[in-house]
Amino acid sequence: ICNDSIKVKHFLQKEKEYKMSDITKVKNGLGNDGEIKVYVGKKRIFTFSKLMTGYDLMCQKLNILNF
């Protein structure tokens, strides 16, 4: 997370940068790990959970409640 953008790097792929305003949907999954899926259009750009470092910061930046 850098200012108003998120940089995402998937395994063996180039790093992509998305603006926070590009995010169209944030969806929480079922389960105890608090998995959150983030979408741009219909494409899921990344998933994160409570078990990951920076979970609270990411929830804060996406303006979602901490589950």
PDB file of N, CA and C in Angstrom:
ATOM      1  N   ILE A   1       0.856  -1.170   0.000  1.00  0.00           N
ATOM      2  CA  ILE A   1       0.000   0.000   0.000  1.00  0.00           C
ATOM      3  C   ILE A   1       0.896   1.224   0.000  1.00  0.00           C
ATOM      4  N   CYS A   2       0.638   2.115  -0.920  1.00  0.00           N
ATOM      5  CA  CYS A   2       1.412   3.338  -1.016  1.00  0.00           C
ATOM      6  C   CYS A   2       0.452   4.469  -1.377  1.00  0.00           C
ATOM      7  N   ASN A   3       0.222   5.360  -0.424  1.00  0.00           N
ATOM      8  CA  ASN A   3      -0.706   6.484  -0.605  1.00  0.00           C
ATOM      9  C   ASN A   3      -2.070   5.998  -1.078  1.00  0.00           C
ATOM     10  N   ASP A   4      -2.412   6.246  -2.345  1.00  0.00           N
ATOM     11  CA  ASP A   4      -3.729   5.896  -2.863  1.00  0.00           C
ATOM     12  C   ASP A   4      -3.656   4.735  -3.849  1.00  0.00           C
ATOM     13  N   SER A   5      -2.661   3.868  -3.698  1.00  0.00           N
ATOM     14  CA  SER A   5      -2.536   2.742  -4.618  1.00  0.00           C
ATOM     15  C   SER A   5      -2.083   1.485  -3.886  1.00  0.00           C
ATOM     16  N   ILE A   6      -2.335   0.356  -4.530  1.00  0.00           N
ATOM     17  CA  ILE A   6      -1.951  -0.947  -4.003  1.00  0.00           C
ATOM     18  C   ILE A   6      -1.138  -1.645  -5.071  1.00  0.00           C
ATOM     19  N   LYS A   7       0.020  -2.156  -4.696  1.00  0.00           N
ATOM     20  CA  LYS A   7       0.844  -2.929  -5.621  1.00  0.00           C
ATOM     21  C   LYS A   7       0.653  -4.401  -5.302  1.00  0.00           C
ATOM     22  N   VAL A   8       0.355  -5.174  -6.345  1.00  0.00           N
ATOM     23  CA  VAL A   8       0.075  -6.597  -6.177  1.00  0.00           C
ATOM     24  C   VAL A   8       1.047  -7.388  -7.037  1.00  0.00           C
ATOM     25  N   LYS A   9       1.688  -8.374  -6.424  1.00  0.00           N
ATOM     26  CA  LYS A   9       2.576  -9.258  -7.177  1.00  0.00           C
ATOM     27  C   LYS A   9       2.175 -10.693  -6.869  1.00  0.00           C
ATOM     28  N   HIS A  10       1.675 -11.374  -7.898  1.00  0.00           N
ATOM     29  CA  HIS A  10       1.318 -12.775  -7.769  1.00  0.00           C
ATOM     30  C   HIS A  10       2.540 -13.624  -8.090  1.00  0.00           C
ATOM     31  N   PHE A  11       2.523 -14.833  -7.654  1.00  0.00           N
ATOM     32  CA  PHE A  11       3.636 -15.763  -7.851  1.00  0.00           C
ATOM     33  C   PHE A  11       4.017 -15.840  -9.328  1.00  0.00           C
ATOM     34  N   LEU A  12       5.281 -15.582  -9.629  1.00  0.00           N
ATOM     35  CA  LEU A  12       5.855 -15.649 -10.976  1.00  0.00           C
ATOM     36  C   LEU A  12       5.210 -14.687 -11.984  1.00  0.00           C
ATOM     37  N   GLN A  13       4.652 -13.586 -11.532  1.00  0.00           N
ATOM     38  CA  GLN A  13       4.056 -12.600 -12.433  1.00  0.00           C
ATOM     39  C   GLN A  13       4.635 -11.228 -12.151  1.00  0.00           C
ATOM     40  N   LYS A  14       4.436 -10.324 -13.104  1.00  0.00           N
ATOM     41  CA  LYS A  14       4.874  -8.952 -12.919  1.00  0.00           C
ATOM     42  C   LYS A  14       4.030  -8.267 -11.855  1.00  0.00           C
ATOM     43  N   GLU A  15       4.618  -7.259 -11.243  1.00  0.00           N
ATOM     44  CA  GLU A  15       3.903  -6.456 -10.256  1.00  0.00           C
ATOM     45  C   GLU A  15       2.935  -5.527 -10.978  1.00  0.00           C
ATOM     46  N   LYS A  16       1.711  -5.434 -10.464  1.00  0.00           N
ATOM     47  CA  LYS A  16       0.711  -4.532 -11.028  1.00  0.00           C
ATOM     48  C   LYS A  16       0.291  -3.546  -9.951  1.00  0.00           C
ATOM     49  N   GLU A  17      -0.036  -2.341 -10.366  1.00  0.00           N
ATOM     50  CA  GLU A  17      -0.455  -1.310  -9.424  1.00  0.00           C
ATOM     51  C   GLU A  17      -1.889  -0.904  -9.734  1.00  0.00           C
ATOM     52  N   TYR A  18      -2.711  -0.839  -8.682  1.00  0.00           N
ATOM     53  CA  TYR A  18      -4.106  -0.447  -8.803  1.00  0.00           C
ATOM     54  C   TYR A  18      -4.367   0.743  -7.900  1.00  0.00           C
ATOM     55  N   LYS A  19      -5.152   1.680  -8.373  1.00  0.00           N
ATOM     56  CA  LYS A  19      -5.566   2.795  -7.530  1.00  0.00           C
ATOM     57  C   LYS A  19      -6.717   2.330  -6.654  1.00  0.00           C
ATOM     58  N   MET A  20      -6.798   2.886  -5.461  1.00  0.00           N
ATOM     59  CA  MET A  20      -7.884   2.520  -4.544  1.00  0.00           C
ATOM     60  C   MET A  20      -9.239   2.803  -5.190  1.00  0.00           C
ATOM     61  N   SER A  21      -9.323   3.843  -6.011  1.00  0.00           N
ATOM     62  CA  SER A  21     -10.587   4.197  -6.663  1.00  0.00           C
ATOM     63  C   SER A  21     -10.986   3.188  -7.741  1.00  0.00           C
ATOM     64  N   ASP A  22     -10.037   2.349  -8.204  1.00  0.00           N
ATOM     65  CA  ASP A  22     -10.331   1.320  -9.214  1.00  0.00           C
ATOM     66  C   ASP A  22     -11.058   0.119  -8.613  1.00  0.00           C
ATOM     67  N   ILE A  23     -10.948  -0.061  -7.306  1.00  0.00           N
ATOM     68  CA  ILE A  23     -11.550  -1.221  -6.638  1.00  0.00           C
ATOM     69  C   ILE A  23     -13.069  -1.085  -6.673  1.00  0.00           C
ATOM     70  N   THR A  24     -13.714  -2.118  -7.223  1.00  0.00           N
ATOM     71  CA  THR A  24     -15.165  -2.075  -7.391  1.00  0.00           C
ATOM     72  C   THR A  24     -15.919  -2.877  -6.339  1.00  0.00           C
ATOM     73  N   LYS A  25     -15.258  -3.898  -5.755  1.00  0.00           N
ATOM     74  CA  LYS A  25     -15.959  -4.738  -4.789  1.00  0.00           C
ATOM     75  C   LYS A  25     -14.975  -5.330  -3.796  1.00  0.00           C
ATOM     76  N   VAL A  26     -15.393  -5.390  -2.546  1.00  0.00           N
ATOM     77  CA  VAL A  26     -14.633  -6.062  -1.485  1.00  0.00           C
ATOM     78  C   VAL A  26     -15.601  -7.022  -0.829  1.00  0.00           C
ATOM     79  N   LYS A  27     -15.229  -8.295  -0.781  1.00  0.00           N
ATOM     80  CA  LYS A  27     -16.149  -9.332  -0.322  1.00  0.00           C
ATOM     81  C   LYS A  27     -15.464 -10.195   0.727  1.00  0.00           C
ATOM     82  N   ASN A  28     -16.136 -10.430   1.856  1.00  0.00           N
ATOM     83  CA  ASN A  28     -15.531 -11.314   2.850  1.00  0.00           C
ATOM     84  C   ASN A  28     -16.031 -12.731   2.640  1.00  0.00           C
ATOM     85  N   GLY A  29     -15.102 -13.668   2.740  1.00  0.00           N
ATOM     86  CA  GLY A  29     -15.429 -15.075   2.551  1.00  0.00           C
ATOM     87  C   GLY A  29     -15.897 -15.709   3.845  1.00  0.00           C
ATOM     88  N   LEU A  30     -16.334 -16.921   3.723  1.00  0.00           N
ATOM     89  CA  LEU A  30     -16.770 -17.664   4.903  1.00  0.00           C
ATOM     90  C   LEU A  30     -15.564 -18.267   5.593  1.00  0.00           C
ATOM     91  N   GLY A  31     -15.673 -18.452   6.868  1.00  0.00           N
ATOM     92  CA  GLY A  31     -14.584 -19.088   7.611  1.00  0.00           C
ATOM     93  C   GLY A  31     -14.087 -18.200   8.731  1.00  0.00           C
ATOM     94  N   ASN A  32     -13.262 -18.778   9.575  1.00  0.00           N
ATOM     95  CA  ASN A  32     -12.756 -18.082  10.749  1.00  0.00           C
ATOM     96  C   ASN A  32     -11.524 -17.243  10.477  1.00  0.00           C
ATOM     97  N   ASP A  33     -10.913 -17.415   9.298  1.00  0.00           N
ATOM     98  CA  ASP A  33      -9.677 -16.681   9.030  1.00  0.00           C
ATOM     99  C   ASP A  33      -9.927 -15.266   8.517  1.00  0.00           C
ATOM    100  N   GLY A  34     -11.183 -14.869   8.337  1.00  0.00           N
ATOM    101  CA  GLY A  34     -11.512 -13.514   7.921  1.00  0.00           C
ATOM    102  C   GLY A  34     -11.007 -13.188   6.525  1.00  0.00           C
ATOM    103  N   GLU A  35     -11.107 -14.132   5.605  1.00  0.00           N
ATOM    104  CA  GLU A  35     -10.609 -13.936   4.248  1.00  0.00           C
ATOM    105  C   GLU A  35     -11.392 -12.828   3.534  1.00  0.00           C
ATOM    106  N   ILE A  36     -10.664 -11.917   2.910  1.00  0.00           N
ATOM    107  CA  ILE A  36     -11.244 -10.793   2.180  1.00  0.00           C
ATOM    108  C   ILE A  36     -10.780 -10.875   0.728  1.00  0.00           C
ATOM    109  N   LYS A  37     -11.722 -10.782  -0.209  1.00  0.00           N
ATOM    110  CA  LYS A  37     -11.402 -10.806  -1.640  1.00  0.00           C
ATOM    111  C   LYS A  37     -11.633  -9.408  -2.199  1.00  0.00           C
ATOM    112  N   VAL A  38     -10.688  -8.934  -3.014  1.00  0.00           N
ATOM    113  CA  VAL A  38     -10.733  -7.577  -3.563  1.00  0.00           C
ATOM    114  C   VAL A  38     -10.804  -7.674  -5.083  1.00  0.00           C
ATOM    115  N   TYR A  39     -11.748  -6.935  -5.682  1.00  0.00           N
ATOM    116  CA  TYR A  39     -12.010  -7.012  -7.115  1.00  0.00           C
ATOM    117  C   TYR A  39     -11.856  -5.652  -7.800  1.00  0.00           C
ATOM    118  N   VAL A  40     -11.396  -5.714  -9.050  1.00  0.00           N
ATOM    119  CA  VAL A  40     -11.445  -4.580  -9.966  1.00  0.00           C
ATOM    120  C   VAL A  40     -12.282  -5.076 -11.131  1.00  0.00           C
ATOM    121  N   GLY A  41     -13.463  -4.489 -11.303  1.00  0.00           N
ATOM    122  CA  GLY A  41     -14.416  -5.022 -12.274  1.00  0.00           C
ATOM    123  C   GLY A  41     -14.862  -6.392 -11.798  1.00  0.00           C
ATOM    124  N   LYS A  42     -14.808  -7.368 -12.680  1.00  0.00           N
ATOM    125  CA  LYS A  42     -15.179  -8.737 -12.309  1.00  0.00           C
ATOM    126  C   LYS A  42     -13.961  -9.585 -11.959  1.00  0.00           C
ATOM    127  N   LYS A  43     -12.761  -8.996 -12.038  1.00  0.00           N
ATOM    128  CA  LYS A  43     -11.520  -9.732 -11.799  1.00  0.00           C
ATOM    129  C   LYS A  43     -11.063  -9.594 -10.356  1.00  0.00           C
ATOM    130  N   ARG A  44     -10.830 -10.739  -9.712  1.00  0.00           N
ATOM    131  CA  ARG A  44     -10.284 -10.722  -8.357  1.00  0.00           C
ATOM    132  C   ARG A  44      -8.796 -10.427  -8.468  1.00  0.00           C
ATOM    133  N   ILE A  45      -8.356  -9.347  -7.804  1.00  0.00           N
ATOM    134  CA  ILE A  45      -6.949  -8.973  -7.913  1.00  0.00           C
ATOM    135  C   ILE A  45      -6.105  -9.548  -6.781  1.00  0.00           C
ATOM    136  N   PHE A  46      -6.692  -9.717  -5.600  1.00  0.00           N
ATOM    137  CA  PHE A  46      -5.974 -10.385  -4.518  1.00  0.00           C
ATOM    138  C   PHE A  46      -6.922 -10.769  -3.402  1.00  0.00           C
ATOM    139  N   THR A  47      -6.413 -11.630  -2.526  1.00  0.00           N
ATOM    140  CA  THR A  47      -7.137 -12.104  -1.355  1.00  0.00           C
ATOM    141  C   THR A  47      -6.200 -11.989  -0.165  1.00  0.00           C
ATOM    142  N   PHE A  48      -6.742 -11.585   0.976  1.00  0.00           N
ATOM    143  CA  PHE A  48      -5.934 -11.548   2.193  1.00  0.00           C
ATOM    144  C   PHE A  48      -6.778 -11.991   3.375  1.00  0.00           C
ATOM    145  N   SER A  49      -6.114 -12.360   4.468  1.00  0.00           N
ATOM    146  CA  SER A  49      -6.842 -12.880   5.630  1.00  0.00           C
ATOM    147  C   SER A  49      -6.230 -12.361   6.926  1.00  0.00           C
ATOM    148  N   LYS A  50      -6.914 -12.643   8.024  1.00  0.00           N
ATOM    149  CA  LYS A  50      -6.451 -12.226   9.358  1.00  0.00           C
ATOM    150  C   LYS A  50      -5.084 -12.803   9.695  1.00  0.00           C
ATOM    151  N   LEU A  51      -4.748 -13.912   9.087  1.00  0.00           N
ATOM    152  CA  LEU A  51      -3.486 -14.586   9.373  1.00  0.00           C
ATOM    153  C   LEU A  51      -2.289 -13.871   8.747  1.00  0.00           C
ATOM    154  N   MET A  52      -2.538 -12.924   7.858  1.00  0.00           N
ATOM    155  CA  MET A  52      -1.459 -12.230   7.150  1.00  0.00           C
ATOM    156  C   MET A  52      -1.046 -10.948   7.866  1.00  0.00           C
ATOM    157  N   THR A  53       0.224 -10.615   7.751  1.00  0.00           N
ATOM    158  CA  THR A  53       0.741  -9.371   8.296  1.00  0.00           C
ATOM    159  C   THR A  53       0.111  -8.211   7.537  1.00  0.00           C
ATOM    160  N   GLY A  54      -0.326  -7.196   8.254  1.00  0.00           N
ATOM    161  CA  GLY A  54      -0.901  -6.012   7.625  1.00  0.00           C
ATOM    162  C   GLY A  54      -2.396  -6.082   7.395  1.00  0.00           C
ATOM    163  N   TYR A  55      -3.057  -7.102   7.965  1.00  0.00           N
ATOM    164  CA  TYR A  55      -4.504  -7.272   7.781  1.00  0.00           C
ATOM    165  C   TYR A  55      -5.271  -6.028   8.243  1.00  0.00           C
ATOM    166  N   ASP A  56      -4.948  -5.531   9.433  1.00  0.00           N
ATOM    167  CA  ASP A  56      -5.659  -4.369   9.967  1.00  0.00           C
ATOM    168  C   ASP A  56      -5.435  -3.130   9.112  1.00  0.00           C
ATOM    169  N   LEU A  57      -4.218  -2.924   8.640  1.00  0.00           N
ATOM    170  CA  LEU A  57      -3.919  -1.791   7.775  1.00  0.00           C
ATOM    171  C   LEU A  57      -4.696  -1.877   6.468  1.00  0.00           C
ATOM    172  N   MET A  58      -4.756  -3.068   5.880  1.00  0.00           N
ATOM    173  CA  MET A  58      -5.484  -3.240   4.624  1.00  0.00           C
ATOM    174  C   MET A  58      -6.974  -2.984   4.821  1.00  0.00           C
ATOM    175  N   CYS A  59      -7.539  -3.467   5.919  1.00  0.00           N
ATOM    176  CA  CYS A  59      -8.954  -3.200   6.213  1.00  0.00           C
ATOM    177  C   CYS A  59      -9.189  -1.707   6.373  1.00  0.00           C
ATOM    178  N   GLN A  60      -8.289  -1.034   7.035  1.00  0.00           N
ATOM    179  CA  GLN A  60      -8.400   0.409   7.239  1.00  0.00           C
ATOM    180  C   GLN A  60      -8.350   1.157   5.903  1.00  0.00           C
ATOM    181  N   LYS A  61      -7.408   0.792   5.044  1.00  0.00           N
ATOM    182  CA  LYS A  61      -7.261   1.461   3.747  1.00  0.00           C
ATOM    183  C   LYS A  61      -8.462   1.212   2.843  1.00  0.00           C
ATOM    184  N   LEU A  62      -9.081   0.036   2.951  1.00  0.00           N
ATOM    185  CA  LEU A  62     -10.230  -0.292   2.126  1.00  0.00           C
ATOM    186  C   LEU A  62     -11.540   0.166   2.763  1.00  0.00           C
ATOM    187  N   ASN A  63     -11.451   0.808   3.926  1.00  0.00           N
ATOM    188  CA  ASN A  63     -12.623   1.307   4.649  1.00  0.00           C
ATOM    189  C   ASN A  63     -13.632   0.212   4.944  1.00  0.00           C
ATOM    190  N   ILE A  64     -13.134  -0.927   5.423  1.00  0.00           N
ATOM    191  CA  ILE A  64     -14.028  -2.012   5.823  1.00  0.00           C
ATOM    192  C   ILE A  64     -13.801  -2.302   7.290  1.00  0.00           C
ATOM    193  N   LEU A  65     -14.804  -2.869   7.917  1.00  0.00           N
ATOM    194  CA  LEU A  65     -14.699  -3.196   9.335  1.00  0.00           C
ATOM    195  C   LEU A  65     -13.786  -4.384   9.528  1.00  0.00           C
ATOM    196  N   ASN A  66     -13.114  -4.407  10.649  1.00  0.00           N
ATOM    197  CA  ASN A  66     -12.275  -5.531  11.000  1.00  0.00           C
ATOM    198  C   ASN A  66     -13.172  -6.667  11.476  1.00  0.00           C
ATOM    199  N   PHE A  67     -13.153  -7.806  10.810  1.00  0.00           N
ATOM    200  CA  PHE A  67     -14.057  -8.918  11.131  1.00  0.00           C
ATOM    201  C   PHE A  67     -13.494  -9.758  12.245  1.00  0.00           C
TER     202      PHE A  67
END
